[in-house]
Amino acid sequence: MKALQGTSEVRRADVAAADVAARIAGLFSRWPILEGFSVQERSSVGKDRLRATLDGSLCIADVVVRTWPGYDAGAGLYEDLAEAMLELLDEHPEAGGLLRGTTFARSLH
């Protein structure tokens, strides 16, 4: 029975990792100005880096956008980032371990 439980846990982790990758790709697709962001422990992030709170311990920080001088990406971007991450955490509670301390950056080929 333990082998089946282990396989089931690995399968859930794989599904969560695939969902994280798909949602991150979707964010970069919807927001062409988005260069990157990180998911950090809220206690380790100063107010100048904090962009959205996810739950009691996680937050979105270090959001980087590529725009013209003086343009502010605004609340819409931060809300979309937070909504996507909160949905992930709701659907895959184990995704918190995948997100925590991770920086997501647009890849250029």
PDB file of N, CA and C in Angstrom:
ATOM      1  N   MET A   1       0.809  -1.194   0.000  1.00  0.00           N
ATOM      2  CA  MET A   1       0.000   0.000   0.000  1.00  0.00           C
ATOM      3  C   MET A   1       0.856   1.263   0.000  1.00  0.00           C
ATOM      4  N   LYS A   2       2.002   1.204   0.694  1.00  0.00           N
ATOM      5  CA  LYS A   2       2.871   2.377   0.743  1.00  0.00           C
ATOM      6  C   LYS A   2       3.403   2.743  -0.636  1.00  0.00           C
ATOM      7  N   ALA A   3       3.699   1.762  -1.445  1.00  0.00           N
ATOM      8  CA  ALA A   3       4.189   2.040  -2.795  1.00  0.00           C
ATOM      9  C   ALA A   3       3.137   2.769  -3.610  1.00  0.00           C
ATOM     10  N   LEU A   4       1.885   2.373  -3.458  1.00  0.00           N
ATOM     11  CA  LEU A   4       0.802   3.059  -4.171  1.00  0.00           C
ATOM     12  C   LEU A   4       0.642   4.483  -3.678  1.00  0.00           C
ATOM     13  N   GLN A   5       0.758   4.701  -2.376  1.00  0.00           N
ATOM     14  CA  GLN A   5       0.658   6.051  -1.836  1.00  0.00           C
ATOM     15  C   GLN A   5       1.799   6.910  -2.344  1.00  0.00           C
ATOM     16  N   GLY A   6       2.994   6.368  -2.389  1.00  0.00           N
ATOM     17  CA  GLY A   6       4.149   7.110  -2.887  1.00  0.00           C
ATOM     18  C   GLY A   6       3.971   7.485  -4.341  1.00  0.00           C
ATOM     19  N   THR A   7       3.463   6.549  -5.141  1.00  0.00           N
ATOM     20  CA  THR A   7       3.214   6.821  -6.559  1.00  0.00           C
ATOM     21  C   THR A   7       2.162   7.901  -6.720  1.00  0.00           C
ATOM     22  N   SER A   8       1.138   7.843  -5.894  1.00  0.00           N
ATOM     23  CA  SER A   8       0.063   8.842  -5.953  1.00  0.00           C
ATOM     24  C   SER A   8       0.582  10.234  -5.591  1.00  0.00           C
ATOM     25  N   GLU A   9       1.450  10.299  -4.587  1.00  0.00           N
ATOM     26  CA  GLU A   9       2.025  11.582  -4.178  1.00  0.00           C
ATOM     27  C   GLU A   9       2.921  12.152  -5.268  1.00  0.00           C
ATOM     28  N   VAL A  10       3.704  11.292  -5.901  1.00  0.00           N
ATOM     29  CA  VAL A  10       4.575  11.732  -6.996  1.00  0.00           C
ATOM     30  C   VAL A  10       3.721  12.236  -8.150  1.00  0.00           C
ATOM     31  N   ARG A  11       2.650  11.529  -8.454  1.00  0.00           N
ATOM     32  CA  ARG A  11       1.761  11.931  -9.543  1.00  0.00           C
ATOM     33  C   ARG A  11       1.142  13.305  -9.245  1.00  0.00           C
ATOM     34  N   ARG A  12       0.691  13.528  -8.000  1.00  0.00           N
ATOM     35  CA  ARG A  12       0.124  14.833  -7.621  1.00  0.00           C
ATOM     36  C   ARG A  12       1.170  15.930  -7.738  1.00  0.00           C
ATOM     37  N   ALA A  13       2.400  15.638  -7.327  1.00  0.00           N
ATOM     38  CA  ALA A  13       3.472  16.629  -7.429  1.00  0.00           C
ATOM     39  C   ALA A  13       3.766  16.951  -8.888  1.00  0.00           C
ATOM     40  N   ASP A  14       3.753  15.937  -9.744  1.00  0.00           N
ATOM     41  CA  ASP A  14       3.983  16.162 -11.174  1.00  0.00           C
ATOM     42  C   ASP A  14       2.873  16.997 -11.785  1.00  0.00           C
ATOM     43  N   VAL A  15       1.638  16.718 -11.403  1.00  0.00           N
ATOM     44  CA  VAL A  15       0.500  17.489 -11.909  1.00  0.00           C
ATOM     45  C   VAL A  15       0.606  18.932 -11.435  1.00  0.00           C
ATOM     46  N   ALA A  16       0.959  19.131 -10.174  1.00  0.00           N
ATOM     47  CA  ALA A  16       1.108  20.488  -9.646  1.00  0.00           C
ATOM     48  C   ALA A  16       2.216  21.236 -10.381  1.00  0.00           C
ATOM     49  N   ALA A  17       3.355  20.578 -10.607  1.00  0.00           N
ATOM     50  CA  ALA A  17       4.473  21.225 -11.310  1.00  0.00           C
ATOM     51  C   ALA A  17       4.075  21.594 -12.732  1.00  0.00           C
ATOM     52  N   ALA A  18       3.348  20.717 -13.408  1.00  0.00           N
ATOM     53  CA  ALA A  18       2.897  21.011 -14.773  1.00  0.00           C
ATOM     54  C   ALA A  18       1.910  22.168 -14.775  1.00  0.00           C
ATOM     55  N   ASP A  19       1.039  22.223 -13.771  1.00  0.00           N
ATOM     56  CA  ASP A  19       0.078  23.318 -13.692  1.00  0.00           C
ATOM     57  C   ASP A  19       0.775  24.639 -13.393  1.00  0.00           C
ATOM     58  N   VAL A  20       1.778  24.613 -12.527  1.00  0.00           N
ATOM     59  CA  VAL A  20       2.562  25.824 -12.254  1.00  0.00           C
ATOM     60  C   VAL A  20       3.184  26.326 -13.551  1.00  0.00           C
ATOM     61  N   ALA A  21       3.819  25.443 -14.296  1.00  0.00           N
ATOM     62  CA  ALA A  21       4.467  25.845 -15.549  1.00  0.00           C
ATOM     63  C   ALA A  21       3.464  26.414 -16.548  1.00  0.00           C
ATOM     64  N   ALA A  22       2.307  25.787 -16.655  1.00  0.00           N
ATOM     65  CA  ALA A  22       1.287  26.265 -17.600  1.00  0.00           C
ATOM     66  C   ALA A  22       0.749  27.631 -17.195  1.00  0.00           C
ATOM     67  N   ARG A  23       0.512  27.814 -15.915  1.00  0.00           N
ATOM     68  CA  ARG A  23      -0.034  29.114 -15.474  1.00  0.00           C
ATOM     69  C   ARG A  23       0.991  30.231 -15.602  1.00  0.00           C
ATOM     70  N   ILE A  24       2.232  29.931 -15.335  1.00  0.00           N
ATOM     71  CA  ILE A  24       3.286  30.933 -15.489  1.00  0.00           C
ATOM     72  C   ILE A  24       3.410  31.311 -16.963  1.00  0.00           C
ATOM     73  N   ALA A  25       3.390  30.325 -17.836  1.00  0.00           N
ATOM     74  CA  ALA A  25       3.449  30.603 -19.280  1.00  0.00           C
ATOM     75  C   ALA A  25       2.256  31.463 -19.700  1.00  0.00           C
ATOM     76  N   GLY A  26       1.091  31.185 -19.154  1.00  0.00           N
ATOM     77  CA  GLY A  26      -0.090  31.985 -19.458  1.00  0.00           C
ATOM     78  C   GLY A  26       0.051  33.424 -19.015  1.00  0.00           C
ATOM     79  N   LEU A  27       0.638  33.643 -17.852  1.00  0.00           N
ATOM     80  CA  LEU A  27       0.863  35.012 -17.374  1.00  0.00           C
ATOM     81  C   LEU A  27       1.785  35.776 -18.308  1.00  0.00           C
ATOM     82  N   PHE A  28       2.873  35.138 -18.706  1.00  0.00           N
ATOM     83  CA  PHE A  28       3.807  35.810 -19.607  1.00  0.00           C
ATOM     84  C   PHE A  28       3.174  36.056 -20.971  1.00  0.00           C
ATOM     85  N   SER A  29       2.282  35.186 -21.378  1.00  0.00           N
ATOM     86  CA  SER A  29       1.583  35.371 -22.649  1.00  0.00           C
ATOM     87  C   SER A  29       0.591  36.544 -22.571  1.00  0.00           C
ATOM     88  N   ARG A  30      -0.148  36.623 -21.474  1.00  0.00           N
ATOM     89  CA  ARG A  30      -1.138  37.704 -21.311  1.00  0.00           C
ATOM     90  C   ARG A  30      -0.497  39.065 -21.074  1.00  0.00           C
ATOM     91  N   TRP A  31       0.687  39.071 -20.490  1.00  0.00           N
ATOM     92  CA  TRP A  31       1.354  40.326 -20.127  1.00  0.00           C
ATOM     93  C   TRP A  31       2.709  40.404 -20.844  1.00  0.00           C
ATOM     94  N   PRO A  32       2.734  40.847 -22.080  1.00  0.00           N
ATOM     95  CA  PRO A  32       3.999  40.926 -22.821  1.00  0.00           C
ATOM     96  C   PRO A  32       5.031  41.857 -22.176  1.00  0.00           C
ATOM     97  N   ILE A  33       4.577  42.781 -21.330  1.00  0.00           N
ATOM     98  CA  ILE A  33       5.514  43.684 -20.663  1.00  0.00           C
ATOM     99  C   ILE A  33       6.169  43.041 -19.442  1.00  0.00           C
ATOM    100  N   LEU A  34       5.626  41.917 -18.976  1.00  0.00           N
ATOM    101  CA  LEU A  34       6.146  41.259 -17.783  1.00  0.00           C
ATOM    102  C   LEU A  34       7.467  40.564 -18.098  1.00  0.00           C
ATOM    103  N   GLU A  35       8.502  40.938 -17.366  1.00  0.00           N
ATOM    104  CA  GLU A  35       9.822  40.307 -17.515  1.00  0.00           C
ATOM    105  C   GLU A  35      10.041  39.238 -16.458  1.00  0.00           C
ATOM    106  N   GLY A  36       9.499  39.452 -15.256  1.00  0.00           N
ATOM    107  CA  GLY A  36       9.680  38.458 -14.210  1.00  0.00           C
ATOM    108  C   GLY A  36       9.088  38.890 -12.893  1.00  0.00           C
ATOM    109  N   PHE A  37       9.013  37.932 -11.971  1.00  0.00           N
ATOM    110  CA  PHE A  37       8.534  38.191 -10.611  1.00  0.00           C
ATOM    111  C   PHE A  37       8.977  37.032  -9.737  1.00  0.00           C
ATOM    112  N   SER A  38       8.878  37.214  -8.439  1.00  0.00           N
ATOM    113  CA  SER A  38       9.231  36.134  -7.523  1.00  0.00           C
ATOM    114  C   SER A  38       8.111  35.923  -6.518  1.00  0.00           C
ATOM    115  N   VAL A  39       8.089  34.727  -5.964  1.00  0.00           N
ATOM    116  CA  VAL A  39       7.173  34.383  -4.870  1.00  0.00           C
ATOM    117  C   VAL A  39       8.071  34.149  -3.661  1.00  0.00           C
ATOM    118  N   GLN A  40       7.862  34.950  -2.628  1.00  0.00           N
ATOM    119  CA  GLN A  40       8.751  34.949  -1.471  1.00  0.00           C
ATOM    120  C   GLN A  40       7.976  34.801  -0.175  1.00  0.00           C
ATOM    121  N   GLU A  41       8.712  34.466   0.879  1.00  0.00           N
ATOM    122  CA  GLU A  41       8.152  34.516   2.226  1.00  0.00           C
ATOM    123  C   GLU A  41       7.841  35.975   2.534  1.00  0.00           C
ATOM    124  N   ARG A  42       6.640  36.233   2.949  1.00  0.00           N
ATOM    125  CA  ARG A  42       6.223  37.612   3.213  1.00  0.00           C
ATOM    126  C   ARG A  42       7.120  38.282   4.256  1.00  0.00           C
ATOM    127  N   SER A  43       7.561  37.519   5.245  1.00  0.00           N
ATOM    128  CA  SER A  43       8.380  38.085   6.320  1.00  0.00           C
ATOM    129  C   SER A  43       9.763  38.525   5.838  1.00  0.00           C
ATOM    130  N   SER A  44      10.189  38.039   4.661  1.00  0.00           N
ATOM    131  CA  SER A  44      11.523  38.377   4.172  1.00  0.00           C
ATOM    132  C   SER A  44      11.523  39.510   3.148  1.00  0.00           C
ATOM    133  N   VAL A  45      10.356  40.089   2.877  1.00  0.00           N
ATOM    134  CA  VAL A  45      10.232  41.087   1.821  1.00  0.00           C
ATOM    135  C   VAL A  45       9.860  42.441   2.416  1.00  0.00           C
ATOM    136  N   GLY A  46      10.626  43.466   2.063  1.00  0.00           N
ATOM    137  CA  GLY A  46      10.311  44.821   2.504  1.00  0.00           C
ATOM    138  C   GLY A  46       9.140  45.389   1.722  1.00  0.00           C
ATOM    139  N   LYS A  47       8.538  46.426   2.262  1.00  0.00           N
ATOM    140  CA  LYS A  47       7.368  47.036   1.613  1.00  0.00           C
ATOM    141  C   LYS A  47       7.664  47.547   0.208  1.00  0.00           C
ATOM    142  N   ASP A  48       8.911  47.927  -0.043  1.00  0.00           N
ATOM    143  CA  ASP A  48       9.262  48.444  -1.368  1.00  0.00           C
ATOM    144  C   ASP A  48       9.278  47.346  -2.434  1.00  0.00           C
ATOM    145  N   ARG A  49       9.393  46.077  -2.025  1.00  0.00           N
ATOM    146  CA  ARG A  49       9.408  44.954  -2.981  1.00  0.00           C
ATOM    147  C   ARG A  49       8.079  44.229  -3.058  1.00  0.00           C
ATOM    148  N   LEU A  50       7.242  44.355  -2.044  1.00  0.00           N
ATOM    149  CA  LEU A  50       5.976  43.638  -1.958  1.00  0.00           C
ATOM    150  C   LEU A  50       4.962  44.192  -2.956  1.00  0.00           C
ATOM    151  N   ARG A  51       4.357  43.316  -3.753  1.00  0.00           N
ATOM    152  CA  ARG A  51       3.371  43.734  -4.748  1.00  0.00           C
ATOM    153  C   ARG A  51       1.995  43.148  -4.498  1.00  0.00           C
ATOM    154  N   ALA A  52       1.921  41.960  -3.916  1.00  0.00           N
ATOM    155  CA  ALA A  52       0.628  41.334  -3.622  1.00  0.00           C
ATOM    156  C   ALA A  52       0.839  40.245  -2.581  1.00  0.00           C
ATOM    157  N   THR A  53      -0.077  40.153  -1.641  1.00  0.00           N
ATOM    158  CA  THR A  53      -0.037  39.117  -0.629  1.00  0.00           C
ATOM    159  C   THR A  53      -0.861  37.939  -1.113  1.00  0.00           C
ATOM    160  N   LEU A  54      -0.321  36.737  -0.955  1.00  0.00           N
ATOM    161  CA  LEU A  54      -1.017  35.543  -1.423  1.00  0.00           C
ATOM    162  C   LEU A  54      -1.752  34.831  -0.297  1.00  0.00           C
ATOM    163  N   ASP A  55      -1.075  34.568   0.779  1.00  0.00           N
ATOM    164  CA  ASP A  55      -1.689  33.946   1.945  1.00  0.00           C
ATOM    165  C   ASP A  55      -0.936  34.462   3.151  1.00  0.00           C
ATOM    166  N   GLY A  56      -1.067  33.809   4.263  1.00  0.00           N
ATOM    167  CA  GLY A  56      -0.400  34.291   5.461  1.00  0.00           C
ATOM    168  C   GLY A  56       1.104  34.364   5.371  1.00  0.00           C
ATOM    169  N   SER A  57       1.709  33.524   4.522  1.00  0.00           N
ATOM    170  CA  SER A  57       3.165  33.487   4.507  1.00  0.00           C
ATOM    171  C   SER A  57       3.801  33.858   3.171  1.00  0.00           C
ATOM    172  N   LEU A  58       3.073  33.788   2.059  1.00  0.00           N
ATOM    173  CA  LEU A  58       3.661  34.048   0.746  1.00  0.00           C
ATOM    174  C   LEU A  58       3.185  35.365   0.149  1.00  0.00           C
ATOM    175  N   CYS A  59       4.047  35.923  -0.700  1.00  0.00           N
ATOM    176  CA  CYS A  59       3.684  37.153  -1.406  1.00  0.00           C
ATOM    177  C   CYS A  59       4.389  37.193  -2.757  1.00  0.00           C
ATOM    178  N   ILE A  60       3.900  38.054  -3.616  1.00  0.00           N
ATOM    179  CA  ILE A  60       4.552  38.313  -4.895  1.00  0.00           C
ATOM    180  C   ILE A  60       5.430  39.535  -4.718  1.00  0.00           C
ATOM    181  N   ALA A  61       6.662  39.435  -5.190  1.00  0.00           N
ATOM    182  CA  ALA A  61       7.622  40.525  -5.021  1.00  0.00           C
ATOM    183  C   ALA A  61       8.467  40.658  -6.278  1.00  0.00           C
ATOM    184  N   ASP A  62       9.229  41.712  -6.318  1.00  0.00           N
ATOM    185  CA  ASP A  62      10.242  41.914  -7.357  1.00  0.00           C
ATOM    186  C   ASP A  62       9.680  41.820  -8.778  1.00  0.00           C
ATOM    187  N   VAL A  63       8.530  42.423  -8.997  1.00  0.00           N
ATOM    188  CA  VAL A  63       7.925  42.403 -10.329  1.00  0.00           C
ATOM    189  C   VAL A  63       8.708  43.343 -11.239  1.00  0.00           C
ATOM    190  N   VAL A  64       9.130  42.820 -12.388  1.00  0.00           N
ATOM    191  CA  VAL A  64       9.885  43.613 -13.352  1.00  0.00           C
ATOM    192  C   VAL A  64       9.103  43.642 -14.662  1.00  0.00           C
ATOM    193  N   VAL A  65       8.904  44.858 -15.164  1.00  0.00           N
ATOM    194  CA  VAL A  65       8.225  45.028 -16.446  1.00  0.00           C
ATOM    195  C   VAL A  65       9.117  45.816 -17.387  1.00  0.00           C
ATOM    196  N   ARG A  66       8.926  45.602 -18.666  1.00  0.00           N
ATOM    197  CA  ARG A  66       9.679  46.328 -19.695  1.00  0.00           C
ATOM    198  C   ARG A  66       8.695  47.269 -20.380  1.00  0.00           C
ATOM    199  N   THR A  67       8.830  48.528 -20.093  1.00  0.00           N
ATOM    200  CA  THR A  67       7.928  49.527 -20.665  1.00  0.00           C
ATOM    201  C   THR A  67       8.716  50.795 -20.949  1.00  0.00           C
ATOM    202  N   TRP A  68       8.000  51.810 -21.305  1.00  0.00           N
ATOM    203  CA  TRP A  68       8.612  53.104 -21.518  1.00  0.00           C
ATOM    204  C   TRP A  68       8.723  53.834 -20.175  1.00  0.00           C
ATOM    205  N   PRO A  69       9.635  54.780 -20.057  1.00  0.00           N
ATOM    206  CA  PRO A  69       9.834  55.499 -18.787  1.00  0.00           C
ATOM    207  C   PRO A  69       8.551  56.172 -18.316  1.00  0.00           C
ATOM    208  N   GLY A  70       8.319  56.059 -17.022  1.00  0.00           N
ATOM    209  CA  GLY A  70       7.177  56.709 -16.414  1.00  0.00           C
ATOM    210  C   GLY A  70       5.896  55.890 -16.427  1.00  0.00           C
ATOM    211  N   TYR A  71       5.872  54.776 -17.157  1.00  0.00           N
ATOM    212  CA  TYR A  71       4.672  53.944 -17.200  1.00  0.00           C
ATOM    213  C   TYR A  71       4.645  53.030 -15.989  1.00  0.00           C
ATOM    214  N   ASP A  72       3.508  52.951 -15.325  1.00  0.00           N
ATOM    215  CA  ASP A  72       3.329  52.063 -14.190  1.00  0.00           C
ATOM    216  C   ASP A  72       2.426  50.925 -14.641  1.00  0.00           C
ATOM    217  N   ALA A  73       2.861  49.690 -14.455  1.00  0.00           N
ATOM    218  CA  ALA A  73       2.079  48.533 -14.892  1.00  0.00           C
ATOM    219  C   ALA A  73       0.709  48.510 -14.227  1.00  0.00           C
ATOM    220  N   GLY A  74       0.611  49.025 -13.035  1.00  0.00           N
ATOM    221  CA  GLY A  74      -0.676  49.172 -12.375  1.00  0.00           C
ATOM    222  C   GLY A  74      -1.180  47.937 -11.659  1.00  0.00           C
ATOM    223  N   ALA A  75      -2.309  48.148 -11.021  1.00  0.00           N
ATOM    224  CA  ALA A  75      -2.899  47.123 -10.173  1.00  0.00           C
ATOM    225  C   ALA A  75      -3.366  45.910 -10.971  1.00  0.00           C
ATOM    226  N   GLY A  76      -3.765  46.081 -12.215  1.00  0.00           N
ATOM    227  CA  GLY A  76      -4.256  44.958 -13.015  1.00  0.00           C
ATOM    228  C   GLY A  76      -3.249  43.825 -13.122  1.00  0.00           C
ATOM    229  N   LEU A  77      -2.009  44.167 -13.351  1.00  0.00           N
ATOM    230  CA  LEU A  77      -0.957  43.159 -13.452  1.00  0.00           C
ATOM    231  C   LEU A  77      -0.791  42.441 -12.123  1.00  0.00           C
ATOM    232  N   TYR A  78      -0.680  43.193 -11.038  1.00  0.00           N
ATOM    233  CA  TYR A  78      -0.462  42.596  -9.725  1.00  0.00           C
ATOM    234  C   TYR A  78      -1.643  41.717  -9.326  1.00  0.00           C
ATOM    235  N   GLU A  79      -2.854  42.160  -9.644  1.00  0.00           N
ATOM    236  CA  GLU A  79      -4.043  41.366  -9.333  1.00  0.00           C
ATOM    237  C   GLU A  79      -4.054  40.066 -10.131  1.00  0.00           C
ATOM    238  N   ASP A  80      -3.672  40.132 -11.397  1.00  0.00           N
ATOM    239  CA  ASP A  80      -3.636  38.928 -12.229  1.00  0.00           C
ATOM    240  C   ASP A  80      -2.590  37.950 -11.717  1.00  0.00           C
ATOM    241  N   LEU A  81      -1.425  38.441 -11.343  1.00  0.00           N
ATOM    242  CA  LEU A  81      -0.391  37.577 -10.778  1.00  0.00           C
ATOM    243  C   LEU A  81      -0.890  36.899  -9.503  1.00  0.00           C
ATOM    244  N   ALA A  82      -1.477  37.695  -8.609  1.00  0.00           N
ATOM    245  CA  ALA A  82      -1.966  37.149  -7.345  1.00  0.00           C
ATOM    246  C   ALA A  82      -3.087  36.140  -7.575  1.00  0.00           C
ATOM    247  N   GLU A  83      -4.004  36.452  -8.461  1.00  0.00           N
ATOM    248  CA  GLU A  83      -5.118  35.547  -8.735  1.00  0.00           C
ATOM    249  C   GLU A  83      -4.618  34.208  -9.271  1.00  0.00           C
ATOM    250  N   ALA A  84      -3.683  34.236 -10.187  1.00  0.00           N
ATOM    251  CA  ALA A  84      -3.137  32.995 -10.749  1.00  0.00           C
ATOM    252  C   ALA A  84      -2.440  32.166  -9.673  1.00  0.00           C
ATOM    253  N   MET A  85      -1.657  32.807  -8.815  1.00  0.00           N
ATOM    254  CA  MET A  85      -0.947  32.082  -7.774  1.00  0.00           C
ATOM    255  C   MET A  85      -1.909  31.545  -6.708  1.00  0.00           C
ATOM    256  N   LEU A  86      -2.924  32.342  -6.359  1.00  0.00           N
ATOM    257  CA  LEU A  86      -3.906  31.882  -5.370  1.00  0.00           C
ATOM    258  C   LEU A  86      -4.710  30.697  -5.895  1.00  0.00           C
ATOM    259  N   GLU A  87      -5.061  30.710  -7.173  1.00  0.00           N
ATOM    260  CA  GLU A  87      -5.763  29.573  -7.771  1.00  0.00           C
ATOM    261  C   GLU A  87      -4.894  28.322  -7.718  1.00  0.00           C
ATOM    262  N   LEU A  88      -3.610  28.484  -8.019  1.00  0.00           N
ATOM    263  CA  LEU A  88      -2.687  27.346  -7.935  1.00  0.00           C
ATOM    264  C   LEU A  88      -2.645  26.781  -6.520  1.00  0.00           C
ATOM    265  N   LEU A  89      -2.504  27.656  -5.541  1.00  0.00           N
ATOM    266  CA  LEU A  89      -2.419  27.212  -4.152  1.00  0.00           C
ATOM    267  C   LEU A  89      -3.719  26.561  -3.696  1.00  0.00           C
ATOM    268  N   ASP A  90      -4.840  27.047  -4.201  1.00  0.00           N
ATOM    269  CA  ASP A  90      -6.131  26.479  -3.841  1.00  0.00           C
ATOM    270  C   ASP A  90      -6.297  25.085  -4.452  1.00  0.00           C
ATOM    271  N   GLU A  91      -5.933  24.950  -5.711  1.00  0.00           N
ATOM    272  CA  GLU A  91      -6.095  23.678  -6.421  1.00  0.00           C
ATOM    273  C   GLU A  91      -5.015  22.660  -6.054  1.00  0.00           C
ATOM    274  N   HIS A  92      -3.822  23.152  -5.753  1.00  0.00           N
ATOM    275  CA  HIS A  92      -2.675  22.279  -5.437  1.00  0.00           C
ATOM    276  C   HIS A  92      -1.966  22.834  -4.195  1.00  0.00           C
ATOM    277  N   PRO A  93      -2.444  22.508  -3.004  1.00  0.00           N
ATOM    278  CA  PRO A  93      -1.793  23.031  -1.793  1.00  0.00           C
ATOM    279  C   PRO A  93      -0.291  22.755  -1.744  1.00  0.00           C
ATOM    280  N   GLU A  94       0.142  21.649  -2.354  1.00  0.00           N
ATOM    281  CA  GLU A  94       1.567  21.320  -2.364  1.00  0.00           C
ATOM    282  C   GLU A  94       2.372  22.259  -3.260  1.00  0.00           C
ATOM    283  N   ALA A  95       1.701  23.068  -4.070  1.00  0.00           N
ATOM    284  CA  ALA A  95       2.402  24.013  -4.952  1.00  0.00           C
ATOM    285  C   ALA A  95       3.115  25.106  -4.165  1.00  0.00           C
ATOM    286  N   GLY A  96       2.717  25.323  -2.917  1.00  0.00           N
ATOM    287  CA  GLY A  96       3.402  26.314  -2.094  1.00  0.00           C
ATOM    288  C   GLY A  96       4.889  26.038  -2.012  1.00  0.00           C
ATOM    289  N   GLY A  97       5.253  24.774  -1.915  1.00  0.00           N
ATOM    290  CA  GLY A  97       6.666  24.409  -1.883  1.00  0.00           C
ATOM    291  C   GLY A  97       7.373  24.661  -3.202  1.00  0.00           C
ATOM    292  N   LEU A  98       6.636  24.543  -4.301  1.00  0.00           N
ATOM    293  CA  LEU A  98       7.217  24.812  -5.620  1.00  0.00           C
ATOM    294  C   LEU A  98       7.378  26.313  -5.867  1.00  0.00           C
ATOM    295  N   LEU A  99       6.459  27.099  -5.327  1.00  0.00           N
ATOM    296  CA  LEU A  99       6.469  28.539  -5.572  1.00  0.00           C
ATOM    297  C   LEU A  99       7.408  29.299  -4.641  1.00  0.00           C
ATOM    298  N   ARG A 100       7.452  28.894  -3.386  1.00  0.00           N
ATOM    299  CA  ARG A 100       8.206  29.610  -2.345  1.00  0.00           C
ATOM    300  C   ARG A 100       9.665  29.786  -2.744  1.00  0.00           C
ATOM    301  N   GLY A 101      10.115  31.031  -2.758  1.00  0.00           N
ATOM    302  CA  GLY A 101      11.518  31.331  -3.043  1.00  0.00           C
ATOM    303  C   GLY A 101      11.896  31.225  -4.513  1.00  0.00           C
ATOM    304  N   THR A 102      10.901  31.188  -5.396  1.00  0.00           N
ATOM    305  CA  THR A 102      11.179  31.008  -6.815  1.00  0.00           C
ATOM    306  C   THR A 102      11.010  32.308  -7.582  1.00  0.00           C
ATOM    307  N   THR A 103      11.939  32.560  -8.479  1.00  0.00           N
ATOM    308  CA  THR A 103      11.838  33.692  -9.395  1.00  0.00           C
ATOM    309  C   THR A 103      11.456  33.143 -10.757  1.00  0.00           C
ATOM    310  N   PHE A 104      10.429  33.740 -11.337  1.00  0.00           N
ATOM    311  CA  PHE A 104       9.960  33.354 -12.668  1.00  0.00           C
ATOM    312  C   PHE A 104      10.355  34.458 -13.623  1.00  0.00           C
ATOM    313  N   ALA A 105      11.031  34.097 -14.694  1.00  0.00           N
ATOM    314  CA  ALA A 105      11.504  35.089 -15.656  1.00  0.00           C
ATOM    315  C   ALA A 105      11.125  34.660 -17.076  1.00  0.00           C
ATOM    316  N   ARG A 106      10.819  35.662 -17.874  1.00  0.00           N
ATOM    317  CA  ARG A 106      10.523  35.403 -19.280  1.00  0.00           C
ATOM    318  C   ARG A 106      11.774  34.828 -19.921  1.00  0.00           C
ATOM    319  N   SER A 107      11.600  33.789 -20.718  1.00  0.00           N
ATOM    320  CA  SER A 107      12.764  33.261 -21.416  1.00  0.00           C
ATOM    321  C   SER A 107      12.748  33.786 -22.846  1.00  0.00           C
ATOM    322  N   LEU A 108      13.889  34.236 -23.261  1.00  0.00           N
ATOM    323  CA  LEU A 108      14.045  34.767 -24.609  1.00  0.00           C
ATOM    324  C   LEU A 108      14.885  33.793 -25.409  1.00  0.00           C
ATOM    325  N   HIS A 109      14.440  33.505 -26.600  1.00  0.00           N
ATOM    326  CA  HIS A 109      15.181  32.553 -27.435  1.00  0.00           C
ATOM    327  C   HIS A 109      15.722  33.243 -28.632  1.00  0.00           C
TER     328      HIS A 109
END
